[in-house]
Amino acid sequence: MKLLYSRNPNPRLAVAVARQVSAPVQFEFAAPLAPGQAERYRPLNPCLRLPILVLPGGGSLWEADAIACRLSQAAKSDFWRTGAAEPSMIQWLSWGKENFVRACEMVQFERVTKQRYRLGPVDATRVDEGLQRFAESAEILDAQLAMRPWLCGDILSYADFRMASFLPHHALAGLPLGDWPSIARWYEGIEALEAWRDPFRGLEAPELPDVPR
């Protein structure tokens, strides 16, 4: 298998999963939206987005969650929960993407992504909306994490990585993790993992443009 990636949040998530479970996969930096590259990548993902997992014998998977599932299967890892534990994990994936993760993405897009790629000024209304949604979802998440170290109990799972997928640049985005002690403790535990902290170690991964101060 070959994992096509970039430094953006969802491809970063896929690379971190591959590293965490020691998946049998090759890594290849890709840029489907670069000039002249679309037709090369369109057969692998008609949306021209990363990550993409190229499968043995032909075919591909796209979307980070599907790729995380396949990588865990290939590594024979329970990082992607199966059996009776799977519904709980999927609950957190579904809730997170519509609530906590979405709130983080809204704020990061305005304060980090738009500034990094010179896409226009920060939309303060969208930031305020994102921070409000962040506070509402963080209250729920913090209360849950106060009862256990990880989202699915005592052992790390993919739900934790997905929930944290827009947190690597939380300081740049001004997300107030420190206001939520259980979330802060939980994310410190994720940051302690080398696979998460430095997923691109040893890989070709051009640095993202700086964010103007």
C-alpha atoms as a PDB file:
ATOM      1  CA  MET A   1       0.000   0.000   0.000  1.00  0.00           C
ATOM      2  CA  LYS A   2       1.051   3.578  -0.620  1.00  0.00           C
ATOM      3  CA  LEU A   3      -0.191   6.541   1.391  1.00  0.00           C
ATOM      4  CA  LEU A   4      -0.299   9.839  -0.493  1.00  0.00           C
ATOM      5  CA  TYR A   5      -0.125  12.757   1.900  1.00  0.00           C
ATOM      6  CA  SER A   6       0.609  16.415   2.540  1.00  0.00           C
ATOM      7  CA  ARG A   7       1.022  18.475   5.718  1.00  0.00           C
ATOM      8  CA  ASN A   8      -2.626  19.537   5.846  1.00  0.00           C
ATOM      9  CA  PRO A   9      -4.739  18.311   8.792  1.00  0.00           C
ATOM     10  CA  ASN A  10      -6.449  15.237   7.344  1.00  0.00           C
ATOM     11  CA  PRO A  11      -3.399  13.899   5.489  1.00  0.00           C
ATOM     12  CA  ARG A  12      -1.373  14.566   8.648  1.00  0.00           C
ATOM     13  CA  LEU A  13      -3.912  12.527  10.583  1.00  0.00           C
ATOM     14  CA  ALA A  14      -3.545   9.594   8.187  1.00  0.00           C
ATOM     15  CA  VAL A  15       0.251   9.656   8.402  1.00  0.00           C
ATOM     16  CA  ALA A  16       0.081   9.798  12.205  1.00  0.00           C
ATOM     17  CA  VAL A  17      -2.210   6.760  12.235  1.00  0.00           C
ATOM     18  CA  ALA A  18       0.124   4.843   9.940  1.00  0.00           C
ATOM     19  CA  ARG A  19       3.063   5.647  12.199  1.00  0.00           C
ATOM     20  CA  GLN A  20       1.144   4.875  15.397  1.00  0.00           C
ATOM     21  CA  VAL A  21       0.066   1.394  14.283  1.00  0.00           C
ATOM     22  CA  SER A  22       3.263   0.663  12.284  1.00  0.00           C
ATOM     23  CA  ALA A  23       1.195  -0.027   9.171  1.00  0.00           C
ATOM     24  CA  PRO A  24       2.925  -1.754   6.242  1.00  0.00           C
ATOM     25  CA  VAL A  25       2.719   1.230   3.943  1.00  0.00           C
ATOM     26  CA  GLN A  26       4.930   3.384   1.738  1.00  0.00           C
ATOM     27  CA  PHE A  27       4.647   7.157   2.014  1.00  0.00           C
ATOM     28  CA  GLU A  28       4.578   9.539  -0.929  1.00  0.00           C
ATOM     29  CA  PHE A  29       4.159  13.303  -0.801  1.00  0.00           C
ATOM     30  CA  ALA A  30       1.534  14.457  -3.291  1.00  0.00           C
ATOM     31  CA  ALA A  31      -0.047  17.679  -4.531  1.00  0.00           C
ATOM     32  CA  PRO A  32      -3.124  16.848  -6.650  1.00  0.00           C
ATOM     33  CA  LEU A  33      -4.117  20.512  -7.003  1.00  0.00           C
ATOM     34  CA  ALA A  34      -0.721  21.620  -8.311  1.00  0.00           C
ATOM     35  CA  PRO A  35      -0.671  22.755 -11.936  1.00  0.00           C
ATOM     36  CA  GLY A  36      -0.749  19.818 -14.336  1.00  0.00           C
ATOM     37  CA  GLN A  37      -1.297  17.189 -11.633  1.00  0.00           C
ATOM     38  CA  ALA A  38      -5.082  16.754 -11.586  1.00  0.00           C
ATOM     39  CA  GLU A  39      -5.353  14.035 -14.227  1.00  0.00           C
ATOM     40  CA  ARG A  40      -2.666  11.977 -12.521  1.00  0.00           C
ATOM     41  CA  TYR A  41      -4.615  11.843  -9.264  1.00  0.00           C
ATOM     42  CA  ARG A  42      -8.238  11.991 -10.413  1.00  0.00           C
ATOM     43  CA  PRO A  43      -8.488   8.199 -10.971  1.00  0.00           C
ATOM     44  CA  LEU A  44      -7.410   7.735  -7.334  1.00  0.00           C
ATOM     45  CA  ASN A  45      -9.748  10.355  -5.863  1.00  0.00           C
ATOM     46  CA  PRO A  46     -12.226  12.269  -8.032  1.00  0.00           C
ATOM     47  CA  CYS A  47     -12.311  14.989  -5.356  1.00  0.00           C
ATOM     48  CA  LEU A  48      -8.553  15.604  -5.801  1.00  0.00           C
ATOM     49  CA  ARG A  49      -8.044  15.712  -2.043  1.00  0.00           C
ATOM     50  CA  LEU A  50      -5.605  13.981   0.250  1.00  0.00           C
ATOM     51  CA  PRO A  51      -5.042  11.573   1.909  1.00  0.00           C
ATOM     52  CA  ILE A  52      -5.295   8.777  -0.608  1.00  0.00           C
ATOM     53  CA  LEU A  53      -4.379   5.153   0.086  1.00  0.00           C
ATOM     54  CA  VAL A  54      -3.322   3.283  -3.051  1.00  0.00           C
ATOM     55  CA  LEU A  55      -4.207  -0.377  -2.573  1.00  0.00           C
ATOM     56  CA  PRO A  56      -2.276  -3.448  -3.708  1.00  0.00           C
ATOM     57  CA  GLY A  57      -3.531  -4.785  -7.014  1.00  0.00           C
ATOM     58  CA  GLY A  58      -5.222  -1.524  -7.963  1.00  0.00           C
ATOM     59  CA  GLY A  59      -7.866   0.732  -6.539  1.00  0.00           C
ATOM     60  CA  SER A  60      -7.695   3.282  -3.778  1.00  0.00           C
ATOM     61  CA  LEU A  61      -9.333   4.583  -0.632  1.00  0.00           C
ATOM     62  CA  TRP A  62      -9.878   8.242   0.155  1.00  0.00           C
ATOM     63  CA  GLU A  63     -11.127  10.023   3.287  1.00  0.00           C
ATOM     64  CA  ALA A  64      -8.997   9.841   6.420  1.00  0.00           C
ATOM     65  CA  ASP A  65     -11.422   7.761   8.495  1.00  0.00           C
ATOM     66  CA  ALA A  66     -11.684   5.012   5.885  1.00  0.00           C
ATOM     67  CA  ILE A  67      -7.914   5.012   5.494  1.00  0.00           C
ATOM     68  CA  ALA A  68      -7.397   4.786   9.262  1.00  0.00           C
ATOM     69  CA  CYS A  69      -9.688   1.753   9.337  1.00  0.00           C
ATOM     70  CA  ARG A  70      -7.759   0.039   6.523  1.00  0.00           C
ATOM     71  CA  LEU A  71      -4.357   0.829   8.051  1.00  0.00           C
ATOM     72  CA  SER A  72      -5.434  -0.596  11.393  1.00  0.00           C
ATOM     73  CA  GLN A  73      -6.661  -3.744   9.672  1.00  0.00           C
ATOM     74  CA  ALA A  74      -3.375  -4.111   7.801  1.00  0.00           C
ATOM     75  CA  ALA A  75      -1.396  -3.699  11.016  1.00  0.00           C
ATOM     76  CA  LYS A  76      -3.736  -6.036  12.950  1.00  0.00           C
ATOM     77  CA  SER A  77      -4.216  -3.231  15.450  1.00  0.00           C
ATOM     78  CA  ASP A  78      -7.206  -2.433  17.648  1.00  0.00           C
ATOM     79  CA  PHE A  79      -6.522   1.289  17.186  1.00  0.00           C
ATOM     80  CA  TRP A  80      -9.668   1.206  15.049  1.00  0.00           C
ATOM     81  CA  ARG A  81     -11.995  -0.543  17.467  1.00  0.00           C
ATOM     82  CA  THR A  82     -14.004  -3.525  16.264  1.00  0.00           C
ATOM     83  CA  GLY A  83     -16.722  -5.682  17.761  1.00  0.00           C
ATOM     84  CA  ALA A  84     -18.686  -4.375  20.721  1.00  0.00           C
ATOM     85  CA  ALA A  85     -16.351  -1.357  21.153  1.00  0.00           C
ATOM     86  CA  GLU A  86     -16.811  -0.067  17.602  1.00  0.00           C
ATOM     87  CA  PRO A  87     -20.156   1.755  18.027  1.00  0.00           C
ATOM     88  CA  SER A  88     -18.748   3.861  20.864  1.00  0.00           C
ATOM     89  CA  MET A  89     -15.764   4.857  18.749  1.00  0.00           C
ATOM     90  CA  ILE A  90     -17.989   5.735  15.790  1.00  0.00           C
ATOM     91  CA  GLN A  91     -20.157   7.814  18.123  1.00  0.00           C
ATOM     92  CA  TRP A  92     -17.132   9.990  18.936  1.00  0.00           C
ATOM     93  CA  LEU A  93     -16.067  10.214  15.294  1.00  0.00           C
ATOM     94  CA  SER A  94     -19.533  11.373  14.280  1.00  0.00           C
ATOM     95  CA  TRP A  95     -20.047  13.782  17.171  1.00  0.00           C
ATOM     96  CA  GLY A  96     -16.528  15.178  16.972  1.00  0.00           C
ATOM     97  CA  LYS A  97     -16.601  15.986  13.272  1.00  0.00           C
ATOM     98  CA  GLU A  98     -19.900  17.855  13.611  1.00  0.00           C
ATOM     99  CA  ASN A  99     -19.035  19.634  16.856  1.00  0.00           C
ATOM    100  CA  PHE A 100     -15.573  19.885  18.453  1.00  0.00           C
ATOM    101  CA  VAL A 101     -13.526  19.201  15.312  1.00  0.00           C
ATOM    102  CA  ARG A 102     -15.753  21.456  13.222  1.00  0.00           C
ATOM    103  CA  ALA A 103     -15.365  24.294  15.735  1.00  0.00           C
ATOM    104  CA  CYS A 104     -11.576  23.930  15.719  1.00  0.00           C
ATOM    105  CA  GLU A 105     -11.551  23.896  11.921  1.00  0.00           C
ATOM    106  CA  MET A 106     -13.657  27.072  11.686  1.00  0.00           C
ATOM    107  CA  VAL A 107     -11.306  29.056  13.909  1.00  0.00           C
ATOM    108  CA  GLN A 108      -8.149  27.618  12.364  1.00  0.00           C
ATOM    109  CA  PHE A 109      -9.344  28.390   8.836  1.00  0.00           C
ATOM    110  CA  GLU A 110      -9.804  32.073   9.648  1.00  0.00           C
ATOM    111  CA  ARG A 111      -6.778  32.658  11.859  1.00  0.00           C
ATOM    112  CA  VAL A 112      -4.281  30.251  10.315  1.00  0.00           C
ATOM    113  CA  THR A 113      -5.181  28.835   6.886  1.00  0.00           C
ATOM    114  CA  LYS A 114      -6.480  32.057   5.330  1.00  0.00           C
ATOM    115  CA  GLN A 115      -3.501  34.002   6.618  1.00  0.00           C
ATOM    116  CA  ARG A 116      -1.004  31.344   5.577  1.00  0.00           C
ATOM    117  CA  TYR A 117      -2.251  31.319   1.979  1.00  0.00           C
ATOM    118  CA  ARG A 118      -3.231  35.013   1.795  1.00  0.00           C
ATOM    119  CA  LEU A 119      -6.917  34.204   1.268  1.00  0.00           C
ATOM    120  CA  GLY A 120      -8.221  37.404   2.800  1.00  0.00           C
ATOM    121  CA  PRO A 121      -8.696  39.010   6.199  1.00  0.00           C
ATOM    122  CA  VAL A 122      -9.899  37.184   9.285  1.00  0.00           C
ATOM    123  CA  ASP A 123     -13.690  37.087   9.431  1.00  0.00           C
ATOM    124  CA  ALA A 124     -14.317  37.987  13.071  1.00  0.00           C
ATOM    125  CA  THR A 125     -17.932  36.820  12.886  1.00  0.00           C
ATOM    126  CA  ARG A 126     -16.843  33.337  11.820  1.00  0.00           C
ATOM    127  CA  VAL A 127     -14.183  33.262  14.526  1.00  0.00           C
ATOM    128  CA  ASP A 128     -16.739  34.215  17.168  1.00  0.00           C
ATOM    129  CA  GLU A 129     -19.104  31.529  15.896  1.00  0.00           C
ATOM    130  CA  GLY A 130     -16.308  28.961  15.939  1.00  0.00           C
ATOM    131  CA  LEU A 131     -15.211  29.883  19.450  1.00  0.00           C
ATOM    132  CA  GLN A 132     -18.804  29.678  20.667  1.00  0.00           C
ATOM    133  CA  ARG A 133     -19.164  26.233  19.137  1.00  0.00           C
ATOM    134  CA  PHE A 134     -15.792  25.306  20.604  1.00  0.00           C
ATOM    135  CA  ALA A 135     -16.905  26.300  24.105  1.00  0.00           C
ATOM    136  CA  GLU A 136     -20.191  24.399  23.800  1.00  0.00           C
ATOM    137  CA  SER A 137     -18.555  21.199  22.577  1.00  0.00           C
ATOM    138  CA  ALA A 138     -15.513  21.508  24.864  1.00  0.00           C
ATOM    139  CA  GLU A 139     -17.811  21.542  27.877  1.00  0.00           C
ATOM    140  CA  ILE A 140     -19.214  18.158  26.855  1.00  0.00           C
ATOM    141  CA  LEU A 141     -15.839  16.725  25.852  1.00  0.00           C
ATOM    142  CA  ASP A 142     -14.101  17.912  29.019  1.00  0.00           C
ATOM    143  CA  ALA A 143     -16.742  16.315  31.232  1.00  0.00           C
ATOM    144  CA  GLN A 144     -16.356  13.004  29.417  1.00  0.00           C
ATOM    145  CA  LEU A 145     -12.556  13.068  29.596  1.00  0.00           C
ATOM    146  CA  ALA A 146     -12.701  13.849  33.304  1.00  0.00           C
ATOM    147  CA  MET A 147     -13.990  10.293  33.776  1.00  0.00           C
ATOM    148  CA  ARG A 148     -11.352   8.420  31.746  1.00  0.00           C
ATOM    149  CA  PRO A 149      -7.961   9.030  30.086  1.00  0.00           C
ATOM    150  CA  TRP A 150      -9.110   8.429  26.505  1.00  0.00           C
ATOM    151  CA  LEU A 151     -12.388   8.713  24.652  1.00  0.00           C
ATOM    152  CA  CYS A 152     -12.974   4.970  24.466  1.00  0.00           C
ATOM    153  CA  GLY A 153     -11.729   4.053  27.933  1.00  0.00           C
ATOM    154  CA  ASP A 154      -8.279   3.265  29.225  1.00  0.00           C
ATOM    155  CA  ILE A 155      -6.578   2.710  25.852  1.00  0.00           C
ATOM    156  CA  LEU A 156      -5.908   5.183  23.040  1.00  0.00           C
ATOM    157  CA  SER A 157      -8.016   4.754  19.903  1.00  0.00           C
ATOM    158  CA  TYR A 158      -8.508   6.402  16.542  1.00  0.00           C
ATOM    159  CA  ALA A 159     -11.326   8.435  18.094  1.00  0.00           C
ATOM    160  CA  ASP A 160      -8.690  10.367  20.058  1.00  0.00           C
ATOM    161  CA  PHE A 161      -6.617  11.108  16.966  1.00  0.00           C
ATOM    162  CA  ARG A 162      -9.674  12.197  14.968  1.00  0.00           C
ATOM    163  CA  MET A 163     -10.923  14.441  17.780  1.00  0.00           C
ATOM    164  CA  ALA A 164      -7.472  16.085  17.931  1.00  0.00           C
ATOM    165  CA  SER A 165      -7.023  16.404  14.162  1.00  0.00           C
ATOM    166  CA  PHE A 166      -7.149  20.232  14.142  1.00  0.00           C
ATOM    167  CA  LEU A 167      -5.219  20.768  17.381  1.00  0.00           C
ATOM    168  CA  PRO A 168      -1.560  20.619  16.249  1.00  0.00           C
ATOM    169  CA  HIS A 169      -1.747  24.375  15.564  1.00  0.00           C
ATOM    170  CA  HIS A 170      -4.084  25.232  18.435  1.00  0.00           C
ATOM    171  CA  ALA A 171      -1.711  27.910  19.766  1.00  0.00           C
ATOM    172  CA  LEU A 172      -1.586  29.684  16.381  1.00  0.00           C
ATOM    173  CA  ALA A 173      -5.362  29.459  16.135  1.00  0.00           C
ATOM    174  CA  GLY A 174      -5.844  30.790  19.660  1.00  0.00           C
ATOM    175  CA  LEU A 175      -7.979  27.852  20.765  1.00  0.00           C
ATOM    176  CA  PRO A 176      -8.284  28.051  24.576  1.00  0.00           C
ATOM    177  CA  LEU A 177      -7.386  24.486  25.529  1.00  0.00           C
ATOM    178  CA  GLY A 178      -6.138  25.722  28.893  1.00  0.00           C
ATOM    179  CA  ASP A 179      -9.682  26.622  29.890  1.00  0.00           C
ATOM    180  CA  TRP A 180     -10.583  22.937  29.876  1.00  0.00           C
ATOM    181  CA  PRO A 181      -8.263  20.944  32.181  1.00  0.00           C
ATOM    182  CA  SER A 182      -9.338  17.464  31.113  1.00  0.00           C
ATOM    183  CA  ILE A 183      -9.011  18.331  27.411  1.00  0.00           C
ATOM    184  CA  ALA A 184      -5.608  19.904  28.053  1.00  0.00           C
ATOM    185  CA  ARG A 185      -4.431  16.782  29.915  1.00  0.00           C
ATOM    186  CA  TRP A 186      -5.802  14.513  27.188  1.00  0.00           C
ATOM    187  CA  TYR A 187      -4.109  16.471  24.403  1.00  0.00           C
ATOM    188  CA  GLU A 188      -0.807  16.552  26.282  1.00  0.00           C
ATOM    189  CA  GLY A 189      -0.989  12.755  26.254  1.00  0.00           C
ATOM    190  CA  ILE A 190      -1.500  12.741  22.496  1.00  0.00           C
ATOM    191  CA  GLU A 191       1.341  15.214  21.959  1.00  0.00           C
ATOM    192  CA  ALA A 192       3.611  12.890  23.959  1.00  0.00           C
ATOM    193  CA  LEU A 193       3.269  10.288  21.185  1.00  0.00           C
ATOM    194  CA  GLU A 194       6.038  10.575  18.608  1.00  0.00           C
ATOM    195  CA  ALA A 195       3.709   9.402  15.831  1.00  0.00           C
ATOM    196  CA  TRP A 196       1.502  12.409  16.516  1.00  0.00           C
ATOM    197  CA  ARG A 197       4.103  14.976  17.502  1.00  0.00           C
ATOM    198  CA  ASP A 198       6.314  14.428  14.448  1.00  0.00           C
ATOM    199  CA  PRO A 199       4.507  12.224  11.908  1.00  0.00           C
ATOM    200  CA  PHE A 200       6.634  13.459   8.996  1.00  0.00           C
ATOM    201  CA  ARG A 201       9.969  12.524  10.552  1.00  0.00           C
ATOM    202  CA  GLY A 202      12.204  11.185   7.785  1.00  0.00           C
ATOM    203  CA  LEU A 203       9.626  11.883   5.055  1.00  0.00           C
ATOM    204  CA  GLU A 204       9.517  14.376   2.224  1.00  0.00           C
ATOM    205  CA  ALA A 205       7.147  17.021   3.520  1.00  0.00           C
ATOM    206  CA  PRO A 206       7.740  20.624   2.461  1.00  0.00           C
ATOM    207  CA  GLU A 207       7.029  23.043   5.277  1.00  0.00           C
ATOM    208  CA  LEU A 208       3.797  25.015   5.159  1.00  0.00           C
ATOM    209  CA  PRO A 209       4.092  28.777   4.569  1.00  0.00           C
ATOM    210  CA  ASP A 210       4.515  30.887   7.693  1.00  0.00           C
ATOM    211  CA  VAL A 211       1.490  32.574   9.221  1.00  0.00           C
ATOM    212  CA  PRO A 212       2.027  36.354   9.289  1.00  0.00           C
ATOM    213  CA  ARG A 213       2.010  37.827  12.782  1.00  0.00           C
END
